[in-house]
């Protein structure tokens, strides 16, 4: 079955009455796009702005608030849409001050295969570093050669292995892990770096992320690959001292694929959590901010042993004193 995408235009103030109207007509789910919500996101996640594209910011700030719903592209869906159109007209008539916006809609058709697959059609097996072949669960690999197959389903989490920062960290792990090292993964996302480290022979003791869903995804991906990635901890260690305490210490390796501001803020924590001579692998650093990160790490007693770069991104491998 194909689906009809219906985009209803309103305002922030109109979201609640439009959502109530949808519920009255049997539509329980919708996708909300609201500039006010985006502004709140930017305020709450200011330290992660390195990953926010400036063009996207301009686009989202200028967007008109809308709710997107999906109706079956058949006679029943057409009847439901007609009823919604009439209800929107009635709602508009009640809005004497025009506080709820245009209250009109556009439609488009989404094919069933696009609904089910979407971005998945673009995620194919590919090599990373000297060791790994990354593949999603829905793809098969007949011959991986001498490479280890790392199966990853990112869901909504960061980390398919295709991003430069992930690949830079995986290459650094290949050079660092010899077997048996106690490892902490900060900002685990899909769990790909923790899983790669475990496959290389590290003892992954803990993974951390600010999103509970990421921890669930990471655990599922670890199970797919037959490895353990230790305890999962949810929260922000920069703002939650109790969480930082729970992570323990004496790690041989910490891997952190986050963003420059967070790495700079966590530099003292990385120092405290590593054994003397332990290794920090970090990325998520835009090239233009690499020297800031280098300086912050060196100020905490780290010695940079390797700096790797792609077109836009940097990664550091650093040793904690004494070396």
Protein backbone atom coordinates (compact mmCIF):
# COMPACT_ATOMS: atom_id res chain seq x y z
CA UNK A 1 0.00 0.00 0.00
CA UNK A 2 1.19 3.55 -0.76
CA UNK A 3 0.72 6.40 1.68
CA UNK A 4 -0.43 9.98 1.31
CA UNK A 5 1.69 12.50 3.19
CA UNK A 6 -0.46 15.39 4.43
CA UNK A 7 1.28 18.55 5.67
CA UNK A 8 -0.96 20.83 7.75
CA UNK A 9 0.32 24.41 8.20
CA UNK A 10 -0.33 26.22 11.46
CA UNK A 11 1.57 28.16 14.17
CA UNK A 12 3.14 27.20 17.50
CA UNK A 13 -0.08 28.28 19.21
CA UNK A 14 -2.10 26.20 16.76
CA UNK A 15 -0.29 22.90 17.37
CA UNK A 16 -2.51 21.87 20.28
CA UNK A 17 -5.90 22.51 18.60
CA UNK A 18 -4.73 20.88 15.34
CA UNK A 19 -3.40 17.85 17.23
CA UNK A 20 -6.73 17.56 19.07
CA UNK A 21 -8.56 17.75 15.74
CA UNK A 22 -6.41 14.93 14.35
CA UNK A 23 -7.06 12.76 17.38
CA UNK A 24 -10.81 13.32 17.00
CA UNK A 25 -10.49 11.95 13.46
CA UNK A 26 -8.52 8.86 14.40
CA UNK A 27 -5.02 10.17 13.65
CA UNK A 28 -2.93 9.46 16.74
CA UNK A 29 0.56 10.13 15.36
CA UNK A 30 2.12 13.08 13.58
CA UNK A 31 5.51 14.63 12.86
CA UNK A 32 5.81 18.17 14.22
CA UNK A 33 8.12 20.75 12.62
CA UNK A 34 8.16 23.93 14.69
CA UNK A 35 10.70 26.76 14.63
CA UNK A 36 10.07 27.36 18.34
CA UNK A 37 11.05 23.78 19.16
CA UNK A 38 14.19 24.14 17.03
CA UNK A 39 15.18 27.29 18.91
CA UNK A 40 14.73 25.41 22.19
CA UNK A 41 16.89 22.58 20.83
CA UNK A 42 19.66 25.02 19.90
CA UNK A 43 19.54 26.58 23.37
CA UNK A 44 19.59 23.24 25.20
CA UNK A 45 22.33 21.70 23.05
CA UNK A 46 24.58 24.71 22.58
CA UNK A 47 27.72 22.68 23.30
CA UNK A 48 26.98 20.41 20.33
CA UNK A 49 26.73 23.13 17.69
CA UNK A 50 29.75 21.86 15.75
CA UNK A 51 27.37 19.31 14.19
CA UNK A 52 24.64 21.80 13.30
CA UNK A 53 24.80 23.03 9.72
CA UNK A 54 24.38 26.81 9.44
CA UNK A 55 22.16 26.51 6.38
CA UNK A 56 19.93 24.10 8.30
CA UNK A 57 19.69 26.60 11.17
CA UNK A 58 18.56 29.35 8.79
CA UNK A 59 16.07 27.03 7.13
CA UNK A 60 14.55 25.77 10.38
CA UNK A 61 14.30 29.25 11.91
CA UNK A 62 12.38 30.46 8.85
CA UNK A 63 10.09 27.46 8.51
CA UNK A 64 6.35 27.57 8.98
CA UNK A 65 5.08 25.34 11.76
CA UNK A 66 3.43 22.22 10.39
CA UNK A 67 2.20 18.79 11.36
CA UNK A 68 2.76 15.89 8.96
CA UNK A 69 0.51 12.85 8.95
CA UNK A 70 0.24 9.77 6.74
CA UNK A 71 -3.02 8.40 5.39
CA UNK A 72 -3.54 5.30 3.26
CA UNK A 73 -3.61 6.23 -0.45
CA UNK A 74 -6.95 4.55 -1.11
CA UNK A 75 -10.67 5.26 -0.84
CA UNK A 76 -10.64 5.08 2.97
CA UNK A 77 -7.74 7.51 3.18
CA UNK A 78 -9.44 9.87 0.75
CA UNK A 79 -12.55 9.89 2.92
CA UNK A 80 -10.48 10.57 6.03
CA UNK A 81 -8.70 13.45 4.26
CA UNK A 82 -12.01 14.99 3.17
CA UNK A 83 -13.26 14.89 6.74
CA UNK A 84 -10.05 16.49 7.98
CA UNK A 85 -10.32 19.24 5.36
CA UNK A 86 -13.82 20.11 6.53
CA UNK A 87 -12.72 20.05 10.17
CA UNK A 88 -9.82 22.39 9.40
CA UNK A 89 -12.23 24.86 7.80
CA UNK A 90 -14.38 24.75 10.93
CA UNK A 91 -11.30 25.29 13.11
CA UNK A 92 -10.28 28.25 10.96
CA UNK A 93 -13.70 29.82 11.41
CA UNK A 94 -13.22 29.63 15.20
CA UNK A 95 -9.85 31.39 14.98
CA UNK A 96 -11.04 35.00 14.95
CA UNK A 97 -7.59 36.42 15.70
CA UNK A 98 -5.79 34.20 13.17
CA UNK A 99 -3.54 32.90 15.98
CA UNK A 100 -3.47 29.39 14.53
CA UNK A 101 -2.07 30.30 11.12
CA UNK A 102 -3.21 29.25 7.68
CA UNK A 103 -4.78 25.91 8.68
CA UNK A 104 -4.45 24.55 5.15
CA UNK A 105 -2.62 21.50 3.84
CA UNK A 106 -0.52 20.05 1.01
CA UNK A 107 -0.40 16.41 -0.02
CA UNK A 108 2.12 14.08 -1.61
CA UNK A 109 2.42 10.32 -2.10
CA UNK A 110 5.00 8.14 -0.36
CA UNK A 111 5.50 4.74 -1.93
CA UNK A 112 5.46 1.67 0.33
CA UNK A 113 9.05 0.74 -0.48
CA UNK A 114 10.19 4.27 0.37
CA UNK A 115 8.20 4.13 3.61
CA UNK A 116 9.90 0.91 4.67
CA UNK A 117 13.41 1.49 3.37
CA UNK A 118 14.05 5.20 2.99
CA UNK A 119 17.70 5.85 3.80
CA UNK A 120 18.46 2.13 4.09
CA UNK A 121 18.89 1.80 0.34
CA UNK A 122 22.02 3.94 0.60
CA UNK A 123 23.67 1.99 3.44
CA UNK A 124 25.78 -0.71 1.76
CA UNK A 125 28.75 -2.74 3.08
CA UNK A 126 32.04 -0.83 2.98
CA UNK A 127 35.58 -1.24 4.37
CA UNK A 128 36.94 0.88 7.21
CA UNK A 129 40.59 1.02 8.18
CA UNK A 130 42.71 -2.08 7.66
CA UNK A 131 40.53 -4.44 9.67
CA UNK A 132 36.80 -3.95 9.29
CA UNK A 133 33.98 -4.35 6.80
CA UNK A 134 30.88 -2.50 8.00
CA UNK A 135 27.50 -3.87 6.98
CA UNK A 136 23.85 -3.36 7.96
CA UNK A 137 21.85 -6.42 8.98
CA UNK A 138 19.72 -6.36 5.82
CA UNK A 139 22.75 -6.73 3.50
CA UNK A 140 24.74 -9.92 2.83
CA UNK A 141 28.46 -10.24 2.17
CA UNK A 142 29.70 -13.24 0.18
CA UNK A 143 33.41 -12.62 0.62
CA UNK A 144 34.85 -10.28 3.26
CA UNK A 145 38.41 -11.32 2.50
CA UNK A 146 40.59 -10.91 5.59
CA UNK A 147 38.34 -8.27 7.12
CA UNK A 148 36.18 -8.60 10.21
CA UNK A 149 32.49 -8.04 9.49
CA UNK A 150 31.02 -5.50 11.89
CA UNK A 151 27.23 -5.50 11.59
CA UNK A 152 25.60 -2.24 12.57
CA UNK A 153 22.02 -0.97 12.56
CA UNK A 154 22.17 2.66 13.70
CA UNK A 155 18.42 3.21 14.14
CA UNK A 156 18.27 6.89 15.23
CA UNK A 157 21.78 6.83 16.71
CA UNK A 158 24.94 8.38 15.34
CA UNK A 159 27.40 5.90 13.87
CA UNK A 160 27.03 3.86 10.68
CA UNK A 161 30.78 3.98 10.20
CA UNK A 162 30.47 6.20 7.15
CA UNK A 163 31.25 9.49 8.93
CA UNK A 164 34.87 10.62 8.80
CA UNK A 165 35.08 11.02 12.58
CA UNK A 166 34.03 7.41 13.16
CA UNK A 167 36.53 6.13 10.62
CA UNK A 168 39.35 8.20 12.12
CA UNK A 169 38.60 6.72 15.55
CA UNK A 170 38.39 3.17 14.22
CA UNK A 171 41.77 3.55 12.50
CA UNK A 172 43.24 4.81 15.78
CA UNK A 173 41.75 1.87 17.68
CA UNK A 174 43.35 -0.54 15.22
CA UNK A 175 46.74 0.96 16.08
CA UNK A 176 46.14 1.12 19.84
CA UNK A 177 44.31 -2.04 20.93
CA UNK A 178 46.59 -5.02 21.51
CA UNK A 179 44.21 -7.08 23.65
CA UNK A 180 42.89 -6.91 27.19
CA UNK A 181 42.83 -3.10 27.58
CA UNK A 182 40.10 -1.69 29.83
CA UNK A 183 38.15 0.74 27.63
CA UNK A 184 35.54 3.46 28.15
CA UNK A 185 33.45 4.77 25.23
CA UNK A 186 32.14 8.31 25.78
CA UNK A 187 29.25 9.22 23.48
CA UNK A 188 28.70 5.69 22.18
CA UNK A 189 25.84 6.41 19.73
CA UNK A 190 25.20 3.18 17.83
CA UNK A 191 28.00 1.50 19.78
CA UNK A 192 30.17 1.05 16.71
CA UNK A 193 33.46 2.15 18.31
CA UNK A 194 32.94 0.07 21.45
CA UNK A 195 32.07 -2.94 19.30
CA UNK A 196 35.11 -2.42 17.07
CA UNK A 197 37.34 -2.16 20.15
CA UNK A 198 35.85 -5.36 21.61
CA UNK A 199 36.36 -7.18 18.31
CA UNK A 200 40.00 -6.07 18.37
CA UNK A 201 40.37 -7.57 21.85
CA UNK A 202 39.77 -4.71 24.26
CA UNK A 203 37.77 -5.24 27.45
CA UNK A 204 35.02 -2.66 27.04
CA UNK A 205 33.85 -1.90 30.56
CA UNK A 206 31.44 0.99 30.02
CA UNK A 207 29.68 3.04 27.35
CA UNK A 208 28.05 6.43 27.93
CA UNK A 209 25.52 8.49 26.02
CA UNK A 210 23.07 11.27 26.80
CA UNK A 211 20.31 9.38 24.92
CA UNK A 212 18.81 6.24 26.45
CA UNK A 213 17.81 5.02 22.98
CA UNK A 214 21.46 5.05 21.93
CA UNK A 215 22.36 2.71 24.78
CA UNK A 216 19.58 0.33 23.73
CA UNK A 217 20.75 0.43 20.10
CA UNK A 218 24.38 -0.07 21.13
CA UNK A 219 23.50 -3.11 23.25
CA UNK A 220 21.51 -4.63 20.38
CA UNK A 221 24.37 -4.05 17.95
CA UNK A 222 26.88 -5.59 20.36
CA UNK A 223 24.71 -8.69 20.63
CA UNK A 224 24.55 -8.93 16.82
CA UNK A 225 28.35 -9.02 16.75
CA UNK A 226 28.74 -11.42 19.65
CA UNK A 227 30.71 -9.05 21.89
CA UNK A 228 30.24 -7.38 25.26
CA UNK A 229 30.41 -3.60 25.65
CA UNK A 230 30.00 -3.50 29.43
CA UNK A 231 27.66 -1.29 31.41
CA UNK A 232 25.61 1.43 29.73
CA UNK A 233 25.34 4.80 31.48
CA UNK A 234 22.90 7.51 30.40
CA UNK A 235 23.52 11.17 31.17
CA UNK A 236 25.86 14.13 30.88
CA UNK A 237 29.06 13.53 32.86
CA UNK A 238 29.95 17.22 32.64
CA UNK A 239 26.83 18.17 34.59
CA UNK A 240 26.31 15.06 36.70
CA UNK A 241 29.23 14.40 39.09
CA UNK A 242 27.51 11.30 40.48
CA UNK A 243 27.42 9.77 37.00
CA UNK A 244 31.09 10.56 36.45
CA UNK A 245 31.85 8.81 39.74
CA UNK A 246 29.95 5.68 38.69
CA UNK A 247 32.19 5.24 35.66
CA UNK A 248 35.11 4.28 37.87
CA UNK A 249 38.64 4.77 36.58
CA UNK A 250 41.98 3.17 35.75
CA UNK A 251 41.08 2.80 32.08
CA UNK A 252 43.76 1.93 29.56
CA UNK A 253 41.86 3.55 26.68
CA UNK A 254 39.10 6.13 26.41
CA UNK A 255 37.51 6.74 23.02
CA UNK A 256 35.38 9.87 22.61
CA UNK A 257 33.82 10.75 19.27
CA UNK A 258 31.85 13.79 20.39
CA UNK A 259 32.49 17.47 19.53
CA UNK A 260 35.28 19.93 20.24
CA UNK A 261 33.59 21.83 23.09
CA UNK A 262 32.71 18.64 24.95
CA UNK A 263 36.19 17.17 24.52
CA UNK A 264 37.69 20.40 25.86
CA UNK A 265 35.28 20.34 28.82
CA UNK A 266 35.98 16.67 29.52
CA UNK A 267 39.77 16.92 29.30
CA UNK A 268 40.22 16.89 33.12
CA UNK A 269 37.84 13.92 33.40
CA UNK A 270 39.74 12.01 30.72
CA UNK A 271 42.94 12.61 32.68
CA UNK A 272 41.34 11.39 35.92
CA UNK A 273 39.78 8.27 34.39
CA UNK A 274 42.90 7.03 32.55
CA UNK A 275 45.78 5.10 34.02
CA UNK A 276 49.20 6.77 33.85
CA UNK A 277 50.35 6.15 30.29
CA UNK A 278 46.77 5.48 29.19
CA UNK A 279 45.51 6.49 25.75
CA UNK A 280 42.79 8.94 24.73
CA UNK A 281 41.36 8.69 21.22
CA UNK A 282 39.07 11.60 20.37
CA UNK A 283 37.36 13.00 17.30
CA UNK A 284 34.27 14.96 16.26
CA UNK A 285 36.65 17.92 15.96
CA UNK A 286 36.30 20.31 13.04
CA UNK A 287 39.73 21.04 11.54
CA UNK A 288 39.51 24.73 12.40
CA UNK A 289 39.10 23.81 16.09
CA UNK A 290 41.84 21.20 16.26
CA UNK A 291 44.42 23.51 17.86
CA UNK A 292 41.96 24.47 20.61
CA UNK A 293 41.48 20.82 21.47
CA UNK A 294 45.21 20.09 21.29
CA UNK A 295 45.92 22.95 23.71
CA UNK A 296 43.23 21.81 26.15
CA UNK A 297 44.58 18.25 26.19
CA UNK A 298 48.18 19.35 26.59
CA UNK A 299 47.14 21.62 29.47
CA UNK A 300 45.91 18.47 31.26
CA UNK A 301 49.21 16.67 30.80
CA UNK A 302 48.45 14.77 27.60
CA UNK A 303 51.04 14.30 24.88
CA UNK A 304 49.63 14.09 21.36
CA UNK A 305 51.12 10.99 19.74
CA UNK A 306 49.14 11.16 16.51
CA UNK A 307 46.97 13.72 14.74
CA UNK A 308 44.85 12.45 11.86
CA UNK A 309 42.70 14.50 9.50
CA UNK A 310 40.08 14.20 6.78
CA UNK A 311 38.86 17.05 4.59
CA UNK A 312 36.83 18.57 7.44
CA UNK A 313 37.57 16.63 10.61
CA UNK A 314 40.45 15.93 12.99
CA UNK A 315 41.21 13.16 15.48
CA UNK A 316 43.87 12.92 18.18
CA UNK A 317 45.53 10.01 19.88
CA UNK A 318 47.06 11.24 23.14
CA UNK A 319 48.97 9.67 26.06
CA UNK A 320 48.49 10.59 29.70
CA UNK A 321 51.69 11.31 31.61
CA UNK A 322 53.85 9.54 32.69
CA UNK A 323 54.42 8.11 29.24
